[in-house]
Each structure stands twice: as structure tokens, then as C-alpha cells.
């Protein structure tokens, strides 16, 4: 074999050895990759909320006494604080349906305007129930705001007389709009805040000042709630 051929083979072998060594060294180095963000896990479909709620009435009334309208007479419902609970289900990632209720509070109905001197007209213990459909926005990771609309059934459980005797207030229906948020701690637990505005009026009857009295009471409460949700 000629000397030139041998030299060429030696050079090719050296080049190949260097290439193999470089490849081996590169394989030993840690790889650098773009970080992969963990996807936000979809919430479990069923949920139960428990919180403290303030019931803030935007109230007023029109009254008739002995069949005649009492001009300038009105009534006011006192605000309440109570425990609020909600049971619901996610139809999909964005839509949920839920039933909201609470521990029945008692509101005092007081005279306003020309009947303010009568003081407390009566009291009512009630339990509003709201069945609603909400749309949840899922673009903000663990923070998920929502908007919804629903129907209301205000259950009047009992009444107490005041200046109005034999006070009777039947249950009434209405509708509601709401907005709020969930902040997910993990798949099973979240914090929530919620505000519901209820379009709600009720009728009332009884006797006052020796004559039959009837009233249409505008209640229109806003229910503001905060608390904890369990998902499963």
C-alpha cells in the first residue's frame, strides 16, 4: 500500500474518532428545552358552596287602608345576615346550573312616610331559593369569573304581628341576575364571591287602625356572599 494512501486513511480515522467523541460528549450534556406550562385542570362537575351572605333590601310599598290608597305611606324591610348554601353541577367547562338557598332569616317591616309613627308593622321569616344558569369564563387560570340569570321563589315560612294584626304574606316569585367568581386552590376546593340582585315583590294583608289593610311590598334584595366551595 502506498504511503499517501496510508496517510489519507489515518487522517480519515482521526476525523471519525473526533466526530464520535464529540457526539458522545454532546449526549452527556443536559438538554435545554422550553418550559411546558401545566394546563389548568377542569373542575370536578358537582359542587357545594357554603358562605356568609348579606341580604340588602331595596324596599318600598304601596298601601290601602279600608279600600282607600294611603298617599305617602310606604314600608321598609330590614337587612339580614345569614348562612348561604348552594348545590350545583357543571354541564361543561363553561356552563353550570345551581340551586341557592339559605338559613331562614327574619326581616322586620317598618312604616315609612305618613305611617312611620306605627313603627314595626310586622315581621316575616323567609327562605329565598334561586335556581340559576351561569356562564364561567375560563381564560384566567385559577380565577374564573361568571355571570348568570335565574328564577326566584321567596318562601315565607312564618309571620309575626306588629302594628298590623293577622299579618299574612304569601310566598312570591321573581327573577334574578348574578355575577361572581371562583378562585381555585386545587381541583376540589375553591374560594368564591357572589352577588345576586333579585327582582322580587310580595303582597301582604292584615288589619290596622280598625280597618283591613293591603300592601304590595317591593323587596328587590341584593344578596352578597363569600365563602368556600367543595368540588367532586
C-alpha atoms as a PDB file:
ATOM      1  CA  UNK A   1       0.000   0.000   0.000  1.00  0.00           C
ATOM      2  CA  UNK A   2       1.341   3.402  -0.923  1.00  0.00           C
ATOM      3  CA  UNK A   3       2.460   5.832   1.770  1.00  0.00           C
ATOM      4  CA  UNK A   4      -0.035   8.533   0.559  1.00  0.00           C
ATOM      5  CA  UNK A   5      -2.943   6.139   0.841  1.00  0.00           C
ATOM      6  CA  UNK A   6      -1.932   5.192   4.397  1.00  0.00           C
ATOM      7  CA  UNK A   7      -1.733   8.852   5.422  1.00  0.00           C
ATOM      8  CA  UNK A   8      -5.177   9.515   3.969  1.00  0.00           C
ATOM      9  CA  UNK A   9      -6.699   6.607   5.907  1.00  0.00           C
ATOM     10  CA  UNK A  10      -5.068   7.794   9.132  1.00  0.00           C
ATOM     11  CA  UNK A  11      -6.473  11.300   8.681  1.00  0.00           C
ATOM     12  CA  UNK A  12      -9.995   9.954   7.953  1.00  0.00           C
ATOM     13  CA  UNK A  13      -9.823   7.720  11.021  1.00  0.00           C
ATOM     14  CA  UNK A  14      -8.804  10.648  13.217  1.00  0.00           C
ATOM     15  CA  UNK A  15     -11.648  12.768  11.880  1.00  0.00           C
ATOM     16  CA  UNK A  16     -14.163   9.967  12.526  1.00  0.00           C
ATOM     17  CA  UNK A  17     -12.853   9.455  16.064  1.00  0.00           C
ATOM     18  CA  UNK A  18     -13.211  13.139  16.833  1.00  0.00           C
ATOM     19  CA  UNK A  19     -16.775  13.133  15.498  1.00  0.00           C
ATOM     20  CA  UNK A  20     -17.742  10.145  17.657  1.00  0.00           C
ATOM     21  CA  UNK A  21     -16.161  11.703  20.744  1.00  0.00           C
ATOM     22  CA  UNK A  22     -17.960  15.000  20.118  1.00  0.00           C
ATOM     23  CA  UNK A  23     -21.283  13.238  19.719  1.00  0.00           C
ATOM     24  CA  UNK A  24     -20.743  11.320  22.943  1.00  0.00           C
ATOM     25  CA  UNK A  25     -19.840  14.483  24.818  1.00  0.00           C
ATOM     26  CA  UNK A  26     -22.947  16.262  23.485  1.00  0.00           C
ATOM     27  CA  UNK A  27     -25.120  13.366  24.607  1.00  0.00           C
ATOM     28  CA  UNK A  28     -23.783  13.757  28.156  1.00  0.00           C
ATOM     29  CA  UNK A  29     -24.762  17.450  28.349  1.00  0.00           C
ATOM     30  CA  UNK A  30     -28.210  18.281  29.810  1.00  0.00           C
ATOM     31  CA  UNK A  31     -30.744  19.206  27.144  1.00  0.00           C
ATOM     32  CA  UNK A  32     -32.257  22.695  27.201  1.00  0.00           C
ATOM     33  CA  UNK A  33     -35.985  22.746  26.415  1.00  0.00           C
ATOM     34  CA  UNK A  34     -38.697  25.335  26.585  1.00  0.00           C
ATOM     35  CA  UNK A  35     -40.651  25.025  29.859  1.00  0.00           C
ATOM     36  CA  UNK A  36     -44.071  23.422  29.473  1.00  0.00           C
ATOM     37  CA  UNK A  37     -46.827  25.072  31.457  1.00  0.00           C
ATOM     38  CA  UNK A  38     -49.188  22.680  33.186  1.00  0.00           C
ATOM     39  CA  UNK A  39     -52.710  23.041  31.809  1.00  0.00           C
ATOM     40  CA  UNK A  40     -55.418  24.332  34.149  1.00  0.00           C
ATOM     41  CA  UNK A  41     -57.325  21.274  35.252  1.00  0.00           C
ATOM     42  CA  UNK A  42     -61.065  21.284  34.634  1.00  0.00           C
ATOM     43  CA  UNK A  43     -63.095  21.488  37.846  1.00  0.00           C
ATOM     44  CA  UNK A  44     -64.942  18.466  39.153  1.00  0.00           C
ATOM     45  CA  UNK A  45     -68.553  18.562  37.883  1.00  0.00           C
ATOM     46  CA  UNK A  46     -70.504  18.667  41.167  1.00  0.00           C
ATOM     47  CA  UNK A  47     -70.019  21.413  43.747  1.00  0.00           C
ATOM     48  CA  UNK A  48     -71.338  22.599  47.106  1.00  0.00           C
ATOM     49  CA  UNK A  49     -70.845  26.148  48.378  1.00  0.00           C
ATOM     50  CA  UNK A  50     -71.116  27.400  51.921  1.00  0.00           C
ATOM     51  CA  UNK A  51     -70.735  31.045  52.865  1.00  0.00           C
ATOM     52  CA  UNK A  52     -71.965  34.072  54.790  1.00  0.00           C
ATOM     53  CA  UNK A  53     -74.398  36.307  52.950  1.00  0.00           C
ATOM     54  CA  UNK A  54     -75.778  39.789  53.473  1.00  0.00           C
ATOM     55  CA  UNK A  55     -79.368  40.368  52.297  1.00  0.00           C
ATOM     56  CA  UNK A  56     -79.663  44.070  51.462  1.00  0.00           C
ATOM     57  CA  UNK A  57     -83.205  45.192  50.650  1.00  0.00           C
ATOM     58  CA  UNK A  58     -84.133  47.982  48.251  1.00  0.00           C
ATOM     59  CA  UNK A  59     -87.650  48.082  49.652  1.00  0.00           C
ATOM     60  CA  UNK A  60     -90.799  50.161  49.408  1.00  0.00           C
ATOM     61  CA  UNK A  61     -94.556  49.644  49.471  1.00  0.00           C
ATOM     62  CA  UNK A  62     -97.931  50.931  48.378  1.00  0.00           C
ATOM     63  CA  UNK A  63    -100.776  50.564  50.927  1.00  0.00           C
ATOM     64  CA  UNK A  64    -104.540  50.718  51.037  1.00  0.00           C
ATOM     65  CA  UNK A  65    -106.494  51.056  54.282  1.00  0.00           C
ATOM     66  CA  UNK A  66    -110.196  50.255  54.260  1.00  0.00           C
ATOM     67  CA  UNK A  67    -110.082  50.149  50.460  1.00  0.00           C
ATOM     68  CA  UNK A  68    -108.553  53.648  50.102  1.00  0.00           C
ATOM     69  CA  UNK A  69    -104.981  54.287  48.985  1.00  0.00           C
ATOM     70  CA  UNK A  70    -102.845  55.819  51.724  1.00  0.00           C
ATOM     71  CA  UNK A  71    -100.891  58.523  49.902  1.00  0.00           C
ATOM     72  CA  UNK A  72     -97.348  58.964  51.170  1.00  0.00           C
ATOM     73  CA  UNK A  73     -97.294  55.642  53.030  1.00  0.00           C
ATOM     74  CA  UNK A  74     -94.523  53.126  52.478  1.00  0.00           C
ATOM     75  CA  UNK A  75     -92.654  50.331  54.254  1.00  0.00           C
ATOM     76  CA  UNK A  76     -89.063  49.263  54.741  1.00  0.00           C
ATOM     77  CA  UNK A  77     -87.629  45.732  55.159  1.00  0.00           C
ATOM     78  CA  UNK A  78     -84.610  45.418  57.463  1.00  0.00           C
ATOM     79  CA  UNK A  79     -81.387  43.871  56.121  1.00  0.00           C
ATOM     80  CA  UNK A  80     -80.213  40.442  57.247  1.00  0.00           C
ATOM     81  CA  UNK A  81     -77.025  38.367  57.552  1.00  0.00           C
ATOM     82  CA  UNK A  82     -77.357  34.607  57.230  1.00  0.00           C
ATOM     83  CA  UNK A  83     -75.671  31.389  56.101  1.00  0.00           C
ATOM     84  CA  UNK A  84     -75.956  30.760  52.358  1.00  0.00           C
ATOM     85  CA  UNK A  85     -75.503  27.380  50.698  1.00  0.00           C
ATOM     86  CA  UNK A  86     -75.556  26.311  47.069  1.00  0.00           C
ATOM     87  CA  UNK A  87     -75.624  22.977  45.278  1.00  0.00           C
ATOM     88  CA  UNK A  88     -74.713  22.826  41.592  1.00  0.00           C
ATOM     89  CA  UNK A  89     -73.435  20.949  38.570  1.00  0.00           C
ATOM     90  CA  UNK A  90     -71.137  21.881  35.666  1.00  0.00           C
ATOM     91  CA  UNK A  91     -72.781  20.938  32.362  1.00  0.00           C
ATOM     92  CA  UNK A  92     -69.440  21.633  30.679  1.00  0.00           C
ATOM     93  CA  UNK A  93     -66.364  23.772  31.433  1.00  0.00           C
ATOM     94  CA  UNK A  94     -68.332  26.996  30.883  1.00  0.00           C
ATOM     95  CA  UNK A  95     -71.931  26.324  31.933  1.00  0.00           C
ATOM     96  CA  UNK A  96     -73.253  25.403  35.364  1.00  0.00           C
ATOM     97  CA  UNK A  97     -76.679  25.167  36.946  1.00  0.00           C
ATOM     98  CA  UNK A  98     -77.197  25.628  40.684  1.00  0.00           C
ATOM     99  CA  UNK A  99     -79.781  25.997  43.410  1.00  0.00           C
ATOM    100  CA  UNK A 100     -79.097  28.637  46.082  1.00  0.00           C
ATOM    101  CA  UNK A 101     -80.829  28.805  49.456  1.00  0.00           C
ATOM    102  CA  UNK A 102     -80.010  29.895  52.990  1.00  0.00           C
ATOM    103  CA  UNK A 103     -80.795  29.563  56.652  1.00  0.00           C
ATOM    104  CA  UNK A 104     -84.167  31.367  57.003  1.00  0.00           C
ATOM    105  CA  UNK A 105     -83.650  34.888  58.437  1.00  0.00           C
ATOM    106  CA  UNK A 106     -86.338  37.227  59.814  1.00  0.00           C
ATOM    107  CA  UNK A 107     -86.891  40.705  58.428  1.00  0.00           C
ATOM    108  CA  UNK A 108     -88.821  43.485  60.176  1.00  0.00           C
ATOM    109  CA  UNK A 109     -91.249  45.576  58.137  1.00  0.00           C
ATOM    110  CA  UNK A 110     -91.395  49.166  59.397  1.00  0.00           C
ATOM    111  CA  UNK A 111     -93.699  52.009  58.422  1.00  0.00           C
ATOM    112  CA  UNK A 112     -92.297  54.877  56.390  1.00  0.00           C
ATOM    113  CA  UNK A 113     -93.724  58.220  55.354  1.00  0.00           C
ATOM    114  CA  UNK A 114     -97.103  59.102  56.867  1.00  0.00           C
ATOM    115  CA  UNK A 115     -97.257  55.756  58.720  1.00  0.00           C
ATOM    116  CA  UNK A 116     -93.767  55.952  60.223  1.00  0.00           C
ATOM    117  CA  UNK A 117     -95.307  56.514  63.671  1.00  0.00           C
ATOM    118  CA  UNK A 118     -96.746  52.987  63.567  1.00  0.00           C
ATOM    119  CA  UNK A 119     -93.220  51.596  63.936  1.00  0.00           C
ATOM    120  CA  UNK A 120     -92.867  47.887  63.204  1.00  0.00           C
ATOM    121  CA  UNK A 121     -95.754  46.698  61.033  1.00  0.00           C
ATOM    122  CA  UNK A 122     -94.784  43.035  61.396  1.00  0.00           C
ATOM    123  CA  UNK A 123     -92.035  40.512  60.810  1.00  0.00           C
ATOM    124  CA  UNK A 124     -91.542  37.719  58.280  1.00  0.00           C
ATOM    125  CA  UNK A 125     -89.250  34.702  58.342  1.00  0.00           C
ATOM    126  CA  UNK A 126     -88.358  33.757  54.782  1.00  0.00           C
ATOM    127  CA  UNK A 127     -86.185  31.483  52.703  1.00  0.00           C
ATOM    128  CA  UNK A 128     -85.437  32.705  49.177  1.00  0.00           C
ATOM    129  CA  UNK A 129     -84.464  29.989  46.709  1.00  0.00           C
ATOM    130  CA  UNK A 130     -82.734  30.838  43.408  1.00  0.00           C
ATOM    131  CA  UNK A 131     -82.342  28.407  40.511  1.00  0.00           C
ATOM    132  CA  UNK A 132     -79.805  29.860  38.078  1.00  0.00           C
ATOM    133  CA  UNK A 133     -77.719  29.172  34.997  1.00  0.00           C
ATOM    134  CA  UNK A 134     -74.186  30.638  34.955  1.00  0.00           C
ATOM    135  CA  UNK A 135     -71.570  31.159  32.260  1.00  0.00           C
ATOM    136  CA  UNK A 136     -67.974  30.787  33.550  1.00  0.00           C
ATOM    137  CA  UNK A 137     -65.018  32.484  31.835  1.00  0.00           C
ATOM    138  CA  UNK A 138     -62.017  30.146  31.798  1.00  0.00           C
ATOM    139  CA  UNK A 139     -59.315  32.409  30.300  1.00  0.00           C
ATOM    140  CA  UNK A 140     -57.672  33.474  33.572  1.00  0.00           C
ATOM    141  CA  UNK A 141     -56.285  30.269  35.026  1.00  0.00           C
ATOM    142  CA  UNK A 142     -57.351  29.647  38.617  1.00  0.00           C
ATOM    143  CA  UNK A 143     -59.510  32.810  38.643  1.00  0.00           C
ATOM    144  CA  UNK A 144     -62.846  32.133  36.934  1.00  0.00           C
ATOM    145  CA  UNK A 145     -65.479  34.889  36.895  1.00  0.00           C
ATOM    146  CA  UNK A 146     -69.067  34.141  35.908  1.00  0.00           C
ATOM    147  CA  UNK A 147     -72.394  35.780  35.051  1.00  0.00           C
ATOM    148  CA  UNK A 148     -75.839  34.247  35.316  1.00  0.00           C
ATOM    149  CA  UNK A 149     -79.600  34.582  35.344  1.00  0.00           C
ATOM    150  CA  UNK A 150     -82.224  32.690  37.305  1.00  0.00           C
ATOM    151  CA  UNK A 151     -85.695  32.400  38.774  1.00  0.00           C
ATOM    152  CA  UNK A 152     -86.626  33.099  42.410  1.00  0.00           C
ATOM    153  CA  UNK A 153     -89.131  31.571  44.794  1.00  0.00           C
ATOM    154  CA  UNK A 154     -89.350  33.502  48.089  1.00  0.00           C
ATOM    155  CA  UNK A 155     -90.811  31.119  50.651  1.00  0.00           C
ATOM    156  CA  UNK A 156     -92.453  32.948  53.562  1.00  0.00           C
ATOM    157  CA  UNK A 157     -92.273  30.443  56.412  1.00  0.00           C
ATOM    158  CA  UNK A 158     -93.943  32.456  59.170  1.00  0.00           C
ATOM    159  CA  UNK A 159     -95.085  35.971  60.128  1.00  0.00           C
ATOM    160  CA  UNK A 160     -95.371  37.933  63.372  1.00  0.00           C
ATOM    161  CA  UNK A 161     -97.839  40.728  64.035  1.00  0.00           C
ATOM    162  CA  UNK A 162     -96.817  44.273  64.832  1.00  0.00           C
ATOM    163  CA  UNK A 163     -98.953  47.324  64.173  1.00  0.00           C
ATOM    164  CA  UNK A 164    -100.660  45.159  61.539  1.00  0.00           C
ATOM    165  CA  UNK A 165    -102.676  42.337  63.096  1.00  0.00           C
ATOM    166  CA  UNK A 166    -103.325  38.987  61.435  1.00  0.00           C
ATOM    167  CA  UNK A 167    -100.447  39.716  59.070  1.00  0.00           C
ATOM    168  CA  UNK A 168    -100.348  37.327  56.101  1.00  0.00           C
ATOM    169  CA  UNK A 169     -97.651  37.325  53.404  1.00  0.00           C
ATOM    170  CA  UNK A 170     -97.878  34.563  50.788  1.00  0.00           C
ATOM    171  CA  UNK A 171     -94.787  33.251  49.023  1.00  0.00           C
ATOM    172  CA  UNK A 172     -93.807  35.119  45.873  1.00  0.00           C
ATOM    173  CA  UNK A 173     -91.770  34.562  42.734  1.00  0.00           C
ATOM    174  CA  UNK A 174     -89.443  36.677  40.653  1.00  0.00           C
ATOM    175  CA  UNK A 175     -86.187  36.506  38.740  1.00  0.00           C
ATOM    176  CA  UNK A 176     -82.539  37.242  39.395  1.00  0.00           C
ATOM    177  CA  UNK A 177     -79.274  38.301  37.777  1.00  0.00           C
ATOM    178  CA  UNK A 178     -75.927  37.425  39.319  1.00  0.00           C
ATOM    179  CA  UNK A 179     -72.186  37.697  38.963  1.00  0.00           C
ATOM    180  CA  UNK A 180     -69.231  36.356  40.875  1.00  0.00           C
ATOM    181  CA  UNK A 181     -66.001  34.405  40.754  1.00  0.00           C
ATOM    182  CA  UNK A 182     -64.285  31.226  41.846  1.00  0.00           C
ATOM    183  CA  UNK A 183     -60.594  31.117  42.733  1.00  0.00           C
ATOM    184  CA  UNK A 184     -59.426  27.509  42.523  1.00  0.00           C
ATOM    185  CA  UNK A 185     -56.993  26.312  45.178  1.00  0.00           C
ATOM    186  CA  UNK A 186     -56.965  22.874  43.550  1.00  0.00           C
ATOM    187  CA  UNK A 187     -59.400  20.649  41.647  1.00  0.00           C
ATOM    188  CA  UNK A 188     -61.573  20.080  44.717  1.00  0.00           C
ATOM    189  CA  UNK A 189     -61.504  23.392  46.603  1.00  0.00           C
ATOM    190  CA  UNK A 190     -62.105  26.999  45.631  1.00  0.00           C
ATOM    191  CA  UNK A 191     -62.925  30.339  47.220  1.00  0.00           C
ATOM    192  CA  UNK A 192     -65.933  32.215  45.853  1.00  0.00           C
ATOM    193  CA  UNK A 193     -67.592  35.613  45.903  1.00  0.00           C
ATOM    194  CA  UNK A 194     -71.088  36.181  44.573  1.00  0.00           C
ATOM    195  CA  UNK A 195     -73.688  38.945  44.221  1.00  0.00           C
ATOM    196  CA  UNK A 196     -77.309  38.320  43.247  1.00  0.00           C
ATOM    197  CA  UNK A 197     -79.907  41.004  42.555  1.00  0.00           C
ATOM    198  CA  UNK A 198     -83.464  39.705  42.969  1.00  0.00           C
ATOM    199  CA  UNK A 199     -86.409  41.377  41.263  1.00  0.00           C
ATOM    200  CA  UNK A 200     -88.994  40.482  43.890  1.00  0.00           C
ATOM    201  CA  UNK A 201     -92.265  41.851  45.252  1.00  0.00           C
ATOM    202  CA  UNK A 202     -94.753  40.386  47.731  1.00  0.00           C
ATOM    203  CA  UNK A 203     -98.328  41.123  48.769  1.00  0.00           C
ATOM    204  CA  UNK A 204     -99.426  41.450  52.380  1.00  0.00           C
ATOM    205  CA  UNK A 205    -102.778  41.655  54.137  1.00  0.00           C
ATOM    206  CA  UNK A 206    -103.955  42.261  57.686  1.00  0.00           C
ATOM    207  CA  UNK A 207    -105.801  44.748  59.885  1.00  0.00           C
ATOM    208  CA  UNK A 208    -104.547  48.092  61.208  1.00  0.00           C
ATOM    209  CA  UNK A 209    -106.282  51.023  62.908  1.00  0.00           C
ATOM    210  CA  UNK A 210    -109.520  49.069  62.927  1.00  0.00           C
ATOM    211  CA  UNK A 211    -109.649  48.554  59.150  1.00  0.00           C
ATOM    212  CA  UNK A 212    -108.390  45.972  56.654  1.00  0.00           C
ATOM    213  CA  UNK A 213    -105.033  46.845  55.117  1.00  0.00           C
ATOM    214  CA  UNK A 214    -103.385  45.506  51.976  1.00  0.00           C
ATOM    215  CA  UNK A 215     -99.922  46.245  50.653  1.00  0.00           C
ATOM    216  CA  UNK A 216     -97.713  45.476  47.704  1.00  0.00           C
ATOM    217  CA  UNK A 217     -94.175  45.406  49.091  1.00  0.00           C
ATOM    218  CA  UNK A 218     -91.204  45.838  46.752  1.00  0.00           C
ATOM    219  CA  UNK A 219     -88.297  43.896  48.249  1.00  0.00           C
ATOM    220  CA  UNK A 220     -85.654  43.722  45.464  1.00  0.00           C
ATOM    221  CA  UNK A 221     -82.812  42.435  47.666  1.00  0.00           C
ATOM    222  CA  UNK A 222     -79.149  42.158  46.739  1.00  0.00           C
ATOM    223  CA  UNK A 223     -77.557  39.055  48.263  1.00  0.00           C
ATOM    224  CA  UNK A 224     -73.776  39.370  48.627  1.00  0.00           C
ATOM    225  CA  UNK A 225     -71.988  36.153  49.620  1.00  0.00           C
ATOM    226  CA  UNK A 226     -68.433  34.933  50.169  1.00  0.00           C
ATOM    227  CA  UNK A 227     -67.199  31.533  51.219  1.00  0.00           C
ATOM    228  CA  UNK A 228     -65.725  28.150  50.301  1.00  0.00           C
ATOM    229  CA  UNK A 229     -66.665  25.631  47.593  1.00  0.00           C
ATOM    230  CA  UNK A 230     -66.050  21.892  47.530  1.00  0.00           C
ATOM    231  CA  UNK A 231     -65.983  20.198  44.078  1.00  0.00           C
ATOM    232  CA  UNK A 232     -66.272  16.478  43.425  1.00  0.00           C
END
